[in-house]
C-alpha cells in the first residue's frame, strides 16, 4: 500500500494532516479524538513569472521590477 499525506476533518471542524495509507478514509482527530473523514484539500499554486511560460505574468513582473528600480534610483539620488 502507498502512504501519502491527506487532510482529515472531524465533526467539530478540526482539520489535520495525516501520513496514512491511501486506502484509509477515516482516522482519529488529533484534537478531540472523534472520527475524522478524509477531505479534498484546496490546491495552492502560484505562477512563476520568470519562467516565460506565462507571458502576462512575465510582463507584469518586468513592469513591477522597473518601478522598483526607478524608485530605488530616485531614493539614492541617481
PDB file of N, CA and C in Angstrom:
ATOM      1  N   UNK A   1       0.839  -1.191   0.000  1.00  0.00           N
ATOM      2  CA  UNK A   1       0.000   0.000   0.000  1.00  0.00           C
ATOM      3  C   UNK A   1       0.880   1.248   0.000  1.00  0.00           C
ATOM      4  N   UNK A   2       0.355   2.284  -0.576  1.00  0.00           N
ATOM      5  CA  UNK A   2       1.071   3.545  -0.654  1.00  0.00           C
ATOM      6  C   UNK A   2       0.623   4.464   0.473  1.00  0.00           C
ATOM      7  N   UNK A   3       1.590   5.081   1.124  1.00  0.00           N
ATOM      8  CA  UNK A   3       1.273   6.036   2.189  1.00  0.00           C
ATOM      9  C   UNK A   3       1.442   7.451   1.626  1.00  0.00           C
ATOM     10  N   UNK A   4       0.491   8.312   1.934  1.00  0.00           N
ATOM     11  CA  UNK A   4       0.512   9.699   1.478  1.00  0.00           C
ATOM     12  C   UNK A   4      -0.007  10.599   2.588  1.00  0.00           C
ATOM     13  N   UNK A   5       0.155  11.893   2.368  1.00  0.00           N
ATOM     14  CA  UNK A   5      -0.392  12.883   3.308  1.00  0.00           C
ATOM     15  C   UNK A   5      -1.775  13.284   2.833  1.00  0.00           C
ATOM     16  N   UNK A   6      -2.749  13.147   3.719  1.00  0.00           N
ATOM     17  CA  UNK A   6      -4.122  13.545   3.436  1.00  0.00           C
ATOM     18  C   UNK A   6      -4.606  14.478   4.538  1.00  0.00           C
ATOM     19  N   UNK A   7      -5.608  15.280   4.213  1.00  0.00           N
ATOM     20  CA  UNK A   7      -6.256  16.122   5.220  1.00  0.00           C
ATOM     21  C   UNK A   7      -7.531  15.439   5.680  1.00  0.00           C
ATOM     22  N   UNK A   8      -7.803  15.579   6.968  1.00  0.00           N
ATOM     23  CA  UNK A   8      -8.989  14.990   7.574  1.00  0.00           C
ATOM     24  C   UNK A   8      -9.719  16.066   8.363  1.00  0.00           C
ATOM     25  N   UNK A   9     -11.058  15.946   8.393  1.00  0.00           N
ATOM     26  CA  UNK A   9     -11.875  16.893   9.158  1.00  0.00           C
ATOM     27  C   UNK A   9     -12.849  16.114  10.020  1.00  0.00           C
ATOM     28  N   UNK A  10     -12.907  16.481  11.299  1.00  0.00           N
ATOM     29  CA  UNK A  10     -13.816  15.824  12.233  1.00  0.00           C
ATOM     30  C   UNK A  10     -15.152  16.573  12.265  1.00  0.00           C
ATOM     31  N   UNK A  11     -16.174  16.009  12.932  1.00  0.00           N
ATOM     32  CA  UNK A  11     -17.486  16.683  13.022  1.00  0.00           C
ATOM     33  C   UNK A  11     -17.419  18.057  13.691  1.00  0.00           C
ATOM     34  N   UNK A  12     -16.400  18.292  14.536  1.00  0.00           N
ATOM     35  CA  UNK A  12     -16.252  19.587  15.200  1.00  0.00           C
ATOM     36  C   UNK A  12     -15.542  20.611  14.325  1.00  0.00           C
ATOM     37  N   UNK A  13     -15.098  20.200  13.132  1.00  0.00           N
ATOM     38  CA  UNK A  13     -14.481  21.135  12.201  1.00  0.00           C
ATOM     39  C   UNK A  13     -12.966  21.213  12.272  1.00  0.00           C
ATOM     40  N   UNK A  14     -12.336  20.432  13.133  1.00  0.00           N
ATOM     41  CA  UNK A  14     -10.874  20.432  13.201  1.00  0.00           C
ATOM     42  C   UNK A  14     -10.311  19.789  11.936  1.00  0.00           C
ATOM     43  N   UNK A  15      -9.335  20.438  11.337  1.00  0.00           N
ATOM     44  CA  UNK A  15      -8.690  19.907  10.142  1.00  0.00           C
ATOM     45  C   UNK A  15      -7.242  19.594  10.477  1.00  0.00           C
ATOM     46  N   UNK A  16      -6.813  18.386  10.108  1.00  0.00           N
ATOM     47  CA  UNK A  16      -5.436  17.990  10.369  1.00  0.00           C
ATOM     48  C   UNK A  16      -4.924  17.144   9.210  1.00  0.00           C
ATOM     49  N   UNK A  17      -3.610  17.094   9.102  1.00  0.00           N
ATOM     50  CA  UNK A  17      -2.984  16.264   8.085  1.00  0.00           C
ATOM     51  C   UNK A  17      -2.483  14.984   8.729  1.00  0.00           C
ATOM     52  N   UNK A  18      -2.481  13.911   7.933  1.00  0.00           N
ATOM     53  CA  UNK A  18      -2.018  12.643   8.455  1.00  0.00           C
ATOM     54  C   UNK A  18      -1.328  11.867   7.339  1.00  0.00           C
ATOM     55  N   UNK A  19      -0.178  11.298   7.635  1.00  0.00           N
ATOM     56  CA  UNK A  19       0.558  10.439   6.704  1.00  0.00           C
ATOM     57  C   UNK A  19       0.009   9.035   6.905  1.00  0.00           C
ATOM     58  N   UNK A  20      -0.774   8.564   5.920  1.00  0.00           N
ATOM     59  CA  UNK A  20      -1.557   7.355   6.128  1.00  0.00           C
ATOM     60  C   UNK A  20      -1.684   6.591   4.816  1.00  0.00           C
ATOM     61  N   UNK A  21      -2.059   5.317   4.889  1.00  0.00           N
ATOM     62  CA  UNK A  21      -2.289   4.530   3.676  1.00  0.00           C
ATOM     63  C   UNK A  21      -3.380   5.184   2.843  1.00  0.00           C
ATOM     64  N   UNK A  22      -3.215   5.155   1.521  1.00  0.00           N
ATOM     65  CA  UNK A  22      -4.179   5.838   0.660  1.00  0.00           C
ATOM     66  C   UNK A  22      -5.547   5.163   0.639  1.00  0.00           C
ATOM     67  N   UNK A  23      -5.662   3.968   1.187  1.00  0.00           N
ATOM     68  CA  UNK A  23      -6.964   3.290   1.241  1.00  0.00           C
ATOM     69  C   UNK A  23      -7.782   3.732   2.458  1.00  0.00           C
ATOM     70  N   UNK A  24      -7.150   4.350   3.439  1.00  0.00           N
ATOM     71  CA  UNK A  24      -7.846   4.792   4.650  1.00  0.00           C
ATOM     72  C   UNK A  24      -8.658   6.057   4.356  1.00  0.00           C
ATOM     73  N   UNK A  25      -9.906   6.098   4.818  1.00  0.00           N
ATOM     74  CA  UNK A  25     -10.749   7.280   4.604  1.00  0.00           C
ATOM     75  C   UNK A  25     -11.147   7.957   5.910  1.00  0.00           C
ATOM     76  N   UNK A  26     -10.839   7.315   7.042  1.00  0.00           N
ATOM     77  CA  UNK A  26     -11.117   7.920   8.343  1.00  0.00           C
ATOM     78  C   UNK A  26      -9.927   7.699   9.264  1.00  0.00           C
ATOM     79  N   UNK A  27      -9.829   8.581  10.254  1.00  0.00           N
ATOM     80  CA  UNK A  27      -8.802   8.456  11.297  1.00  0.00           C
ATOM     81  C   UNK A  27      -9.288   9.240  12.507  1.00  0.00           C
ATOM     82  N   UNK A  28      -8.615   9.105  13.638  1.00  0.00           N
ATOM     83  CA  UNK A  28      -8.993   9.862  14.825  1.00  0.00           C
ATOM     84  C   UNK A  28      -8.495  11.288  14.718  1.00  0.00           C
ATOM     85  N   UNK A  29      -9.336  12.234  15.131  1.00  0.00           N
ATOM     86  CA  UNK A  29      -8.938  13.642  15.169  1.00  0.00           C
ATOM     87  C   UNK A  29      -7.869  13.814  16.244  1.00  0.00           C
ATOM     88  N   UNK A  30      -6.833  14.535  15.924  1.00  0.00           N
ATOM     89  CA  UNK A  30      -5.736  14.744  16.883  1.00  0.00           C
ATOM     90  C   UNK A  30      -6.120  15.708  18.004  1.00  0.00           C
ATOM     91  N   UNK A  31      -7.186  16.478  17.798  1.00  0.00           N
ATOM     92  CA  UNK A  31      -7.594  17.462  18.800  1.00  0.00           C
ATOM     93  C   UNK A  31      -8.630  16.889  19.765  1.00  0.00           C
ATOM     94  N   UNK A  32      -9.677  16.271  19.204  1.00  0.00           N
ATOM     95  CA  UNK A  32     -10.787  15.834  20.054  1.00  0.00           C
ATOM     96  C   UNK A  32     -11.021  14.322  20.063  1.00  0.00           C
ATOM     97  N   UNK A  33     -10.233  13.572  19.318  1.00  0.00           N
ATOM     98  CA  UNK A  33     -10.320  12.108  19.250  1.00  0.00           C
ATOM     99  C   UNK A  33     -11.605  11.574  18.621  1.00  0.00           C
ATOM    100  N   UNK A  34     -12.391  12.436  17.965  1.00  0.00           N
ATOM    101  CA  UNK A  34     -13.562  11.955  17.229  1.00  0.00           C
ATOM    102  C   UNK A  34     -13.108  11.416  15.879  1.00  0.00           C
ATOM    103  N   UNK A  35     -14.009  10.708  15.218  1.00  0.00           N
ATOM    104  CA  UNK A  35     -13.689  10.128  13.919  1.00  0.00           C
ATOM    105  C   UNK A  35     -13.669  11.226  12.849  1.00  0.00           C
ATOM    106  N   UNK A  36     -12.529  11.399  12.175  1.00  0.00           N
ATOM    107  CA  UNK A  36     -12.376  12.423  11.137  1.00  0.00           C
ATOM    108  C   UNK A  36     -12.385  11.757   9.769  1.00  0.00           C
ATOM    109  N   UNK A  37     -13.040  12.401   8.800  1.00  0.00           N
ATOM    110  CA  UNK A  37     -13.126  11.882   7.438  1.00  0.00           C
ATOM    111  C   UNK A  37     -12.121  12.593   6.540  1.00  0.00           C
ATOM    112  N   UNK A  38     -11.625  11.857   5.574  1.00  0.00           N
ATOM    113  CA  UNK A  38     -10.678  12.434   4.614  1.00  0.00           C
ATOM    114  C   UNK A  38     -11.418  13.432   3.728  1.00  0.00           C
ATOM    115  N   UNK A  39     -10.783  14.583   3.494  1.00  0.00           N
ATOM    116  CA  UNK A  39     -11.382  15.622   2.661  1.00  0.00           C
ATOM    117  C   UNK A  39     -10.449  15.938   1.494  1.00  0.00           C
ATOM    118  N   UNK A  40     -11.002  16.589   0.493  1.00  0.00           N
ATOM    119  CA  UNK A  40     -10.208  17.030  -0.649  1.00  0.00           C
ATOM    120  C   UNK A  40      -9.566  18.358  -0.277  1.00  0.00           C
ATOM    121  N   UNK A  41      -8.260  18.410  -0.360  1.00  0.00           N
ATOM    122  CA  UNK A  41      -7.519  19.605   0.014  1.00  0.00           C
ATOM    123  C   UNK A  41      -7.595  20.660  -1.078  1.00  0.00           C
ATOM    124  N   UNK A  42      -7.597  21.917  -0.675  1.00  0.00           N
ATOM    125  CA  UNK A  42      -7.538  23.017  -1.627  1.00  0.00           C
ATOM    126  C   UNK A  42      -6.123  23.074  -2.205  1.00  0.00           C
ATOM    127  N   UNK A  43      -6.039  23.368  -3.473  1.00  0.00           N
ATOM    128  CA  UNK A  43      -4.745  23.436  -4.137  1.00  0.00           C
ATOM    129  C   UNK A  43      -4.212  24.856  -4.060  1.00  0.00           C
ATOM    130  N   UNK A  44      -2.952  24.969  -3.719  1.00  0.00           N
ATOM    131  CA  UNK A  44      -2.300  26.269  -3.676  1.00  0.00           C
ATOM    132  C   UNK A  44      -1.258  26.311  -4.783  1.00  0.00           C
ATOM    133  N   UNK A  45      -1.353  27.325  -5.618  1.00  0.00           N
ATOM    134  CA  UNK A  45      -0.374  27.408  -6.698  1.00  0.00           C
ATOM    135  C   UNK A  45      -0.036  28.876  -6.960  1.00  0.00           C
ATOM    136  N   UNK A  46       1.081  29.082  -7.585  1.00  0.00           N
ATOM    137  CA  UNK A  46       1.472  30.421  -7.992  1.00  0.00           C
ATOM    138  C   UNK A  46       2.198  30.317  -9.322  1.00  0.00           C
ATOM    139  N   UNK A  47       2.050  31.332 -10.133  1.00  0.00           N
ATOM    140  CA  UNK A  47       2.691  31.346 -11.431  1.00  0.00           C
ATOM    141  C   UNK A  47       4.124  31.830 -11.304  1.00  0.00           C
ATOM    142  N   UNK A  48       5.028  31.186 -11.979  1.00  0.00           N
ATOM    143  CA  UNK A  48       6.428  31.591 -11.980  1.00  0.00           C
ATOM    144  C   UNK A  48       6.612  32.603 -13.104  1.00  0.00           C
ATOM    145  N   UNK A  49       6.633  33.862 -12.751  1.00  0.00           N
ATOM    146  CA  UNK A  49       6.709  34.923 -13.760  1.00  0.00           C
ATOM    147  C   UNK A  49       8.025  34.906 -14.522  1.00  0.00           C
ATOM    148  N   UNK A  50       9.071  34.384 -13.931  1.00  0.00           N
ATOM    149  CA  UNK A  50      10.376  34.409 -14.579  1.00  0.00           C
ATOM    150  C   UNK A  50      10.566  33.287 -15.587  1.00  0.00           C
ATOM    151  N   UNK A  51       9.690  32.289 -15.578  1.00  0.00           N
ATOM    152  CA  UNK A  51       9.866  31.151 -16.472  1.00  0.00           C
ATOM    153  C   UNK A  51       9.601  31.511 -17.931  1.00  0.00           C
ATOM    154  N   UNK A  52       8.753  32.514 -18.160  1.00  0.00           N
ATOM    155  CA  UNK A  52       8.386  32.877 -19.520  1.00  0.00           C
ATOM    156  C   UNK A  52       7.214  32.072 -20.056  1.00  0.00           C
ATOM    157  N   UNK A  53       6.721  31.116 -19.278  1.00  0.00           N
ATOM    158  CA  UNK A  53       5.595  30.286 -19.713  1.00  0.00           C
ATOM    159  C   UNK A  53       4.262  31.024 -19.601  1.00  0.00           C
ATOM    160  N   UNK A  54       4.246  32.109 -18.858  1.00  0.00           N
ATOM    161  CA  UNK A  54       3.026  32.882 -18.647  1.00  0.00           C
ATOM    162  C   UNK A  54       3.319  34.328 -19.027  1.00  0.00           C
ATOM    163  N   UNK A  55       3.177  34.672 -20.318  1.00  0.00           N
ATOM    164  CA  UNK A  55       3.590  35.995 -20.798  1.00  0.00           C
ATOM    165  C   UNK A  55       2.975  37.165 -20.034  1.00  0.00           C
ATOM    166  N   UNK A  56       1.710  37.057 -19.668  1.00  0.00           N
ATOM    167  CA  UNK A  56       1.069  38.139 -18.920  1.00  0.00           C
ATOM    168  C   UNK A  56       1.735  38.371 -17.578  1.00  0.00           C
ATOM    169  N   UNK A  57       2.036  37.288 -16.874  1.00  0.00           N
ATOM    170  CA  UNK A  57       2.701  37.393 -15.576  1.00  0.00           C
ATOM    171  C   UNK A  57       4.132  37.899 -15.741  1.00  0.00           C
ATOM    172  N   UNK A  58       4.805  37.466 -16.799  1.00  0.00           N
ATOM    173  CA  UNK A  58       6.180  37.919 -17.045  1.00  0.00           C
ATOM    174  C   UNK A  58       6.207  39.417 -17.294  1.00  0.00           C
ATOM    175  N   UNK A  59       5.268  39.915 -18.101  1.00  0.00           N
ATOM    176  CA  UNK A  59       5.211  41.361 -18.367  1.00  0.00           C
ATOM    177  C   UNK A  59       4.873  42.134 -17.098  1.00  0.00           C
ATOM    178  N   UNK A  60       3.962  41.592 -16.283  1.00  0.00           N
ATOM    179  CA  UNK A  60       3.595  42.239 -15.021  1.00  0.00           C
ATOM    180  C   UNK A  60       4.808  42.303 -14.088  1.00  0.00           C
ATOM    181  N   UNK A  61       5.560  41.199 -13.983  1.00  0.00           N
ATOM    182  CA  UNK A  61       6.748  41.169 -13.136  1.00  0.00           C
ATOM    183  C   UNK A  61       7.775  42.180 -13.621  1.00  0.00           C
ATOM    184  N   UNK A  62       8.001  42.235 -14.955  1.00  0.00           N
ATOM    185  CA  UNK A  62       9.001  43.148 -15.514  1.00  0.00           C
ATOM    186  C   UNK A  62       8.620  44.598 -15.233  1.00  0.00           C
ATOM    187  N   UNK A  63       7.330  44.938 -15.374  1.00  0.00           N
ATOM    188  CA  UNK A  63       6.870  46.307 -15.106  1.00  0.00           C
ATOM    189  C   UNK A  63       7.070  46.648 -13.636  1.00  0.00           C
ATOM    190  N   UNK A  64       6.668  45.727 -12.741  1.00  0.00           N
ATOM    191  CA  UNK A  64       6.839  45.972 -11.305  1.00  0.00           C
ATOM    192  C   UNK A  64       8.311  46.105 -10.941  1.00  0.00           C
ATOM    193  N   UNK A  65       9.159  45.310 -11.561  1.00  0.00           N
ATOM    194  CA  UNK A  65      10.595  45.377 -11.293  1.00  0.00           C
ATOM    195  C   UNK A  65      11.167  46.719 -11.737  1.00  0.00           C
ATOM    196  N   UNK A  66      10.745  47.211 -12.903  1.00  0.00           N
ATOM    197  CA  UNK A  66      11.205  48.512 -13.383  1.00  0.00           C
ATOM    198  C   UNK A  66      10.754  49.627 -12.442  1.00  0.00           C
ATOM    199  N   UNK A  67       9.532  49.528 -11.927  1.00  0.00           N
ATOM    200  CA  UNK A  67       9.044  50.526 -10.964  1.00  0.00           C
ATOM    201  C   UNK A  67       9.902  50.528  -9.698  1.00  0.00           C
ATOM    202  N   UNK A  68      10.272  49.341  -9.211  1.00  0.00           N
ATOM    203  CA  UNK A  68      11.100  49.242  -8.014  1.00  0.00           C
ATOM    204  C   UNK A  68      12.475  49.850  -8.270  1.00  0.00           C
ATOM    205  N   UNK A  69      13.065  49.533  -9.407  1.00  0.00           N
ATOM    206  CA  UNK A  69      14.387  50.079  -9.751  1.00  0.00           C
ATOM    207  C   UNK A  69      14.323  51.597  -9.850  1.00  0.00           C
ATOM    208  N   UNK A  70      13.278  52.127 -10.479  1.00  0.00           N
ATOM    209  CA  UNK A  70      13.110  53.579 -10.632  1.00  0.00           C
ATOM    210  C   UNK A  70      13.012  54.242  -9.248  1.00  0.00           C
ATOM    211  N   UNK A  71      12.237  53.645  -8.348  1.00  0.00           N
ATOM    212  CA  UNK A  71      12.091  54.211  -7.002  1.00  0.00           C
ATOM    213  C   UNK A  71      13.405  54.162  -6.215  1.00  0.00           C
ATOM    214  N   UNK A  72      14.143  53.053  -6.367  1.00  0.00           N
ATOM    215  CA  UNK A  72      15.426  52.924  -5.675  1.00  0.00           C
ATOM    216  C   UNK A  72      16.421  53.967  -6.185  1.00  0.00           C
ATOM    217  N   UNK A  73      16.450  54.179  -7.486  1.00  0.00           N
ATOM    218  CA  UNK A  73      17.362  55.161  -8.064  1.00  0.00           C
ATOM    219  C   UNK A  73      16.997  56.569  -7.592  1.00  0.00           C
ATOM    220  N   UNK A  74      15.700  56.864  -7.531  1.00  0.00           N
ATOM    221  CA  UNK A  74      15.251  58.174  -7.088  1.00  0.00           C
ATOM    222  C   UNK A  74      15.619  58.387  -5.618  1.00  0.00           C
ATOM    223  N   UNK A  75      15.464  57.340  -4.798  1.00  0.00           N
ATOM    224  CA  UNK A  75      15.793  57.440  -3.373  1.00  0.00           C
ATOM    225  C   UNK A  75      17.288  57.619  -3.154  1.00  0.00           C
ATOM    226  N   UNK A  76      18.114  57.076  -4.063  1.00  0.00           N
ATOM    227  CA  UNK A  76      19.563  57.176  -3.938  1.00  0.00           C
ATOM    228  C   UNK A  76      20.119  58.439  -4.639  1.00  0.00           C
ATOM    229  N   UNK A  77      19.236  59.240  -5.210  1.00  0.00           N
ATOM    230  CA  UNK A  77      19.649  60.488  -5.838  1.00  0.00           C
ATOM    231  C   UNK A  77      20.325  60.293  -7.197  1.00  0.00           C
ATOM    232  N   UNK A  78      20.034  59.227  -7.868  1.00  0.00           N
ATOM    233  CA  UNK A  78      20.642  58.974  -9.180  1.00  0.00           C
ATOM    234  C   UNK A  78      19.834  59.636 -10.276  1.00  0.00           C
TER     235      UNK A  78
END
